[in-house]
N, C-alpha and C. Protein backbone atom coordinates (compact mmCIF):
# COMPACT_ATOMS: atom_id res chain seq x y z
N TYR A 1 68.58 106.23 128.56
CA TYR A 1 69.46 106.73 127.49
C TYR A 1 70.92 106.85 128.10
N GLN A 2 71.87 106.36 127.54
CA GLN A 2 73.29 106.55 128.05
C GLN A 2 74.27 106.81 126.87
N TYR A 3 75.08 107.74 127.08
CA TYR A 3 76.07 108.00 126.05
C TYR A 3 77.39 108.01 126.60
N SER A 4 78.52 107.52 125.80
CA SER A 4 79.82 107.37 126.45
C SER A 4 80.61 108.64 126.07
N LEU A 5 81.79 108.85 126.88
CA LEU A 5 82.66 109.96 126.67
C LEU A 5 83.24 109.92 125.29
N PRO A 6 83.63 108.67 124.53
CA PRO A 6 84.11 108.65 123.29
C PRO A 6 83.12 109.29 122.35
N PHE A 7 81.75 109.08 122.56
CA PHE A 7 80.67 109.53 121.73
C PHE A 7 80.76 111.10 121.66
N PHE A 8 80.83 111.62 122.99
CA PHE A 8 80.98 113.18 122.90
C PHE A 8 82.18 113.70 122.37
N VAL A 9 83.28 113.08 122.54
CA VAL A 9 84.59 113.34 122.02
C VAL A 9 84.41 113.45 120.50
N GLY A 10 83.82 112.34 120.06
CA GLY A 10 83.73 112.16 118.56
C GLY A 10 82.79 113.38 117.94
N LEU A 11 81.82 113.60 118.78
CA LEU A 11 80.80 114.80 118.31
C LEU A 11 81.64 116.05 118.44
N PHE A 12 82.51 116.28 119.38
CA PHE A 12 83.33 117.56 119.47
C PHE A 12 84.23 117.67 118.47
N LEU A 13 84.96 116.59 118.05
CA LEU A 13 85.81 116.71 116.98
C LEU A 13 85.23 116.87 115.66
N SER A 14 84.01 116.35 115.55
CA SER A 14 83.14 116.55 114.27
C SER A 14 82.96 118.02 114.14
N ALA A 15 82.37 118.58 115.29
CA ALA A 15 81.97 120.04 115.23
C ALA A 15 83.20 120.90 115.02
N ILE A 16 84.39 120.58 115.41
CA ILE A 16 85.44 121.32 115.11
C ILE A 16 85.71 121.39 113.52
N ASP A 17 85.64 120.10 113.11
CA ASP A 17 85.84 120.08 111.49
C ASP A 17 84.71 120.90 110.75
N LYS A 18 83.46 120.77 111.16
CA LYS A 18 82.35 121.41 110.38
C LYS A 18 82.08 122.90 110.76
N ALA A 19 82.78 123.36 111.93
CA ALA A 19 82.55 124.85 112.23
C ALA A 19 83.27 125.79 111.22
N GLU A 20 82.57 126.87 111.00
CA GLU A 20 83.10 127.89 110.22
C GLU A 20 84.39 128.33 110.85
N LYS A 21 85.39 128.66 110.12
CA LYS A 21 86.64 129.19 110.65
C LYS A 21 86.63 130.71 110.81
N SER A 22 87.32 131.08 111.82
CA SER A 22 87.44 132.57 112.15
C SER A 22 88.75 132.88 112.85
N ASP A 23 89.35 134.03 112.46
CA ASP A 23 90.51 134.55 113.15
C ASP A 23 90.43 134.88 114.40
N ASP A 24 89.10 135.49 114.68
CA ASP A 24 88.83 136.23 115.99
C ASP A 24 88.61 135.12 116.97
N LEU A 25 89.37 135.01 117.99
CA LEU A 25 89.10 133.87 118.93
C LEU A 25 87.77 133.77 119.76
N GLU A 26 87.24 134.89 120.06
CA GLU A 26 85.84 135.00 120.64
C GLU A 26 84.85 134.46 119.77
N GLN A 27 84.89 134.97 118.45
CA GLN A 27 84.00 134.49 117.53
C GLN A 27 84.03 133.01 117.09
N ARG A 28 85.28 132.54 117.11
CA ARG A 28 85.46 131.07 116.91
C ARG A 28 84.98 130.26 118.01
N ILE A 29 85.04 130.71 119.28
CA ILE A 29 84.51 129.97 120.38
C ILE A 29 83.13 130.00 120.31
N ILE A 30 82.38 130.97 119.87
CA ILE A 30 80.88 131.04 119.78
C ILE A 30 80.48 130.07 118.68
N ILE A 31 81.24 130.16 117.48
CA ILE A 31 80.95 129.25 116.41
C ILE A 31 81.01 127.83 116.80
N LEU A 32 82.11 127.56 117.55
CA LEU A 32 82.37 126.12 118.03
C LEU A 32 81.22 125.58 118.93
N ASN A 33 80.83 126.47 119.90
CA ASN A 33 79.80 126.23 120.75
C ASN A 33 78.49 125.88 120.04
N ASP A 34 78.09 126.85 119.17
CA ASP A 34 76.89 126.59 118.39
C ASP A 34 76.87 125.36 117.40
N THR A 35 78.01 125.11 116.85
CA THR A 35 78.12 124.00 115.96
C THR A 35 77.96 122.62 116.90
N PHE A 36 78.83 122.63 117.91
CA PHE A 36 78.63 121.49 118.85
C PHE A 36 77.35 121.21 119.29
N ARG A 37 76.59 122.34 119.69
CA ARG A 37 75.34 122.08 120.39
C ARG A 37 74.34 121.68 119.34
N TYR A 38 74.38 122.10 118.08
CA TYR A 38 73.45 121.67 116.98
C TYR A 38 73.83 120.12 116.70
N THR A 39 75.20 119.94 116.54
CA THR A 39 75.55 118.48 116.34
C THR A 39 75.03 117.54 117.43
N LEU A 40 75.26 117.89 118.70
CA LEU A 40 74.77 117.18 119.89
C LEU A 40 73.33 116.88 119.70
N TYR A 41 72.59 118.15 119.50
CA TYR A 41 71.10 117.92 119.40
C TYR A 41 70.74 117.00 118.29
N CYS A 42 71.32 117.08 117.13
CA CYS A 42 70.80 116.11 116.15
C CYS A 42 71.11 114.68 116.22
N ASN A 43 72.37 114.52 116.88
CA ASN A 43 72.74 113.10 117.09
C ASN A 43 72.01 112.58 118.30
N ILE A 44 71.65 113.21 119.34
CA ILE A 44 70.83 112.68 120.44
C ILE A 44 69.42 112.43 119.95
N CYS A 45 68.89 113.38 119.30
CA CYS A 45 67.46 113.20 118.86
C CYS A 45 67.21 112.13 117.96
N ARG A 46 68.13 111.61 117.22
CA ARG A 46 68.16 110.46 116.41
C ARG A 46 67.61 109.15 117.31
N SER A 47 68.24 109.16 118.54
CA SER A 47 67.87 107.98 119.34
C SER A 47 66.85 108.05 120.40
N LEU A 48 66.18 109.32 120.37
CA LEU A 48 65.13 109.57 121.41
C LEU A 48 63.80 109.16 120.89
N PHE A 49 62.92 108.76 121.81
CA PHE A 49 61.49 108.60 121.34
C PHE A 49 60.93 109.94 121.03
N GLU A 50 59.96 110.15 120.20
CA GLU A 50 59.37 111.35 119.76
C GLU A 50 58.95 112.22 121.01
N LYS A 51 58.31 111.59 121.86
CA LYS A 51 57.82 112.20 123.14
C LYS A 51 58.85 112.89 124.08
N HIS A 52 59.99 112.40 123.93
CA HIS A 52 61.21 112.78 124.69
C HIS A 52 61.98 114.08 124.07
N LYS A 53 61.72 114.21 122.76
CA LYS A 53 62.58 115.23 121.99
C LYS A 53 62.26 116.70 122.53
N THR A 54 60.97 116.92 122.75
CA THR A 54 60.66 118.29 123.35
C THR A 54 61.42 118.61 124.67
N LEU A 55 61.35 117.56 125.47
CA LEU A 55 61.98 117.74 126.88
C LEU A 55 63.49 117.88 126.69
N PHE A 56 64.05 117.05 125.77
CA PHE A 56 65.48 117.29 125.67
C PHE A 56 65.70 118.67 125.00
N SER A 57 65.04 119.19 124.08
CA SER A 57 65.18 120.54 123.49
C SER A 57 65.12 121.61 124.61
N PHE A 58 64.09 121.45 125.48
CA PHE A 58 63.96 122.42 126.41
C PHE A 58 65.19 122.49 127.50
N LEU A 59 65.57 121.15 127.91
CA LEU A 59 66.67 121.08 129.01
C LEU A 59 68.03 121.72 128.25
N LEU A 60 68.31 121.31 126.97
CA LEU A 60 69.42 121.81 126.32
C LEU A 60 69.37 123.27 126.25
N CYS A 61 68.30 123.81 125.81
CA CYS A 61 68.23 125.30 125.75
C CYS A 61 68.25 126.07 126.97
N MET A 62 67.67 125.54 128.15
CA MET A 62 67.77 126.16 129.52
C MET A 62 69.10 126.00 130.13
N ARG A 63 69.89 124.96 129.85
CA ARG A 63 71.03 124.86 130.39
C ARG A 63 72.11 125.73 129.64
N GLY A 64 71.94 125.89 128.36
CA GLY A 64 72.75 126.98 127.59
C GLY A 64 72.38 128.29 128.21
N LEU A 65 71.08 128.72 128.39
CA LEU A 65 70.82 129.92 128.92
C LEU A 65 71.42 130.20 130.26
N LEU A 66 71.33 129.27 131.07
CA LEU A 66 71.81 129.28 132.52
C LEU A 66 73.27 129.49 132.47
N ALA A 67 74.03 128.72 131.60
CA ALA A 67 75.46 128.83 131.47
C ALA A 67 75.91 130.24 131.00
N ALA A 68 75.15 130.82 130.04
CA ALA A 68 75.35 132.10 129.63
C ALA A 68 74.97 133.26 130.52
N GLU A 69 74.22 132.85 131.68
CA GLU A 69 73.63 133.67 132.64
C GLU A 69 72.58 134.67 132.05
N GLU A 70 71.83 134.15 130.95
CA GLU A 70 70.86 134.78 130.29
C GLU A 70 69.64 134.44 130.84
N GLU A 71 69.60 133.62 131.84
CA GLU A 71 68.26 133.03 132.43
C GLU A 71 68.69 132.84 133.98
N GLU A 72 67.71 132.98 134.88
CA GLU A 72 67.93 132.88 136.22
C GLU A 72 67.62 131.39 136.68
N PHE A 73 68.22 130.89 137.70
CA PHE A 73 67.93 129.55 138.07
C PHE A 73 66.53 129.36 138.62
N ALA A 74 66.12 130.39 139.33
CA ALA A 74 64.77 130.52 140.05
C ALA A 74 63.75 130.41 139.06
N ASP A 75 63.92 130.89 137.74
CA ASP A 75 63.01 130.74 136.66
C ASP A 75 63.03 129.30 136.17
N TYR A 76 64.13 128.73 136.20
CA TYR A 76 64.29 127.38 135.61
C TYR A 76 63.56 126.32 136.54
N ARG A 77 63.77 126.60 137.94
CA ARG A 77 63.08 125.76 138.96
C ARG A 77 61.61 125.91 138.91
N PHE A 78 61.21 127.13 138.74
CA PHE A 78 59.84 127.41 138.57
C PHE A 78 59.08 126.53 137.51
N LEU A 79 59.77 126.53 136.36
CA LEU A 79 59.33 125.90 135.02
C LEU A 79 59.27 124.48 135.34
N LEU A 80 60.33 123.93 136.22
CA LEU A 80 60.34 122.47 136.39
C LEU A 80 59.34 121.91 137.57
N THR A 81 59.03 122.82 138.40
CA THR A 81 58.19 122.40 139.67
C THR A 81 56.84 123.03 139.46
N GLY A 82 56.46 123.93 138.51
CA GLY A 82 55.26 124.61 138.50
C GLY A 82 54.97 125.60 139.65
N GLY A 83 55.99 126.05 140.26
CA GLY A 83 55.96 126.99 141.35
C GLY A 83 55.67 126.28 142.59
N VAL A 84 55.67 124.97 142.82
CA VAL A 84 55.51 124.28 144.01
C VAL A 84 56.83 124.39 144.74
N SER A 85 56.75 124.71 145.86
CA SER A 85 58.13 124.73 146.71
C SER A 85 58.52 123.34 147.01
N LEU A 86 59.66 122.80 146.83
CA LEU A 86 60.11 121.63 147.27
C LEU A 86 60.83 121.73 148.62
N GLU A 87 61.00 122.91 149.05
CA GLU A 87 61.60 123.00 150.39
C GLU A 87 60.63 122.87 151.62
N ASP A 88 59.49 123.37 151.33
CA ASP A 88 58.41 123.44 152.28
C ASP A 88 57.23 122.57 151.96
N PRO A 89 57.40 121.23 151.89
CA PRO A 89 56.12 120.44 151.43
C PRO A 89 54.90 120.71 152.43
N PRO A 90 53.68 120.56 151.68
CA PRO A 90 52.49 120.89 152.49
C PRO A 90 52.24 119.83 153.58
């Protein structure tokens, strides 16, 4: 799967148009992020095979949580590797 920068720019501009307006800057940024994430999810999922949609949902969710510092990277790595250390192979 490959997507171009113009594709993402188009999604972002679409999210700006669709997002609820707010005079409060912090609230506006939260609304824009949520709207863009939802628009991105819907558009990407249209082109994914059904078996890949769950993985994409997981990755999008985890990256959002990591960016917001609501999840620790060690937990993310544990979920990806199943607790197997990649640094000290058996």
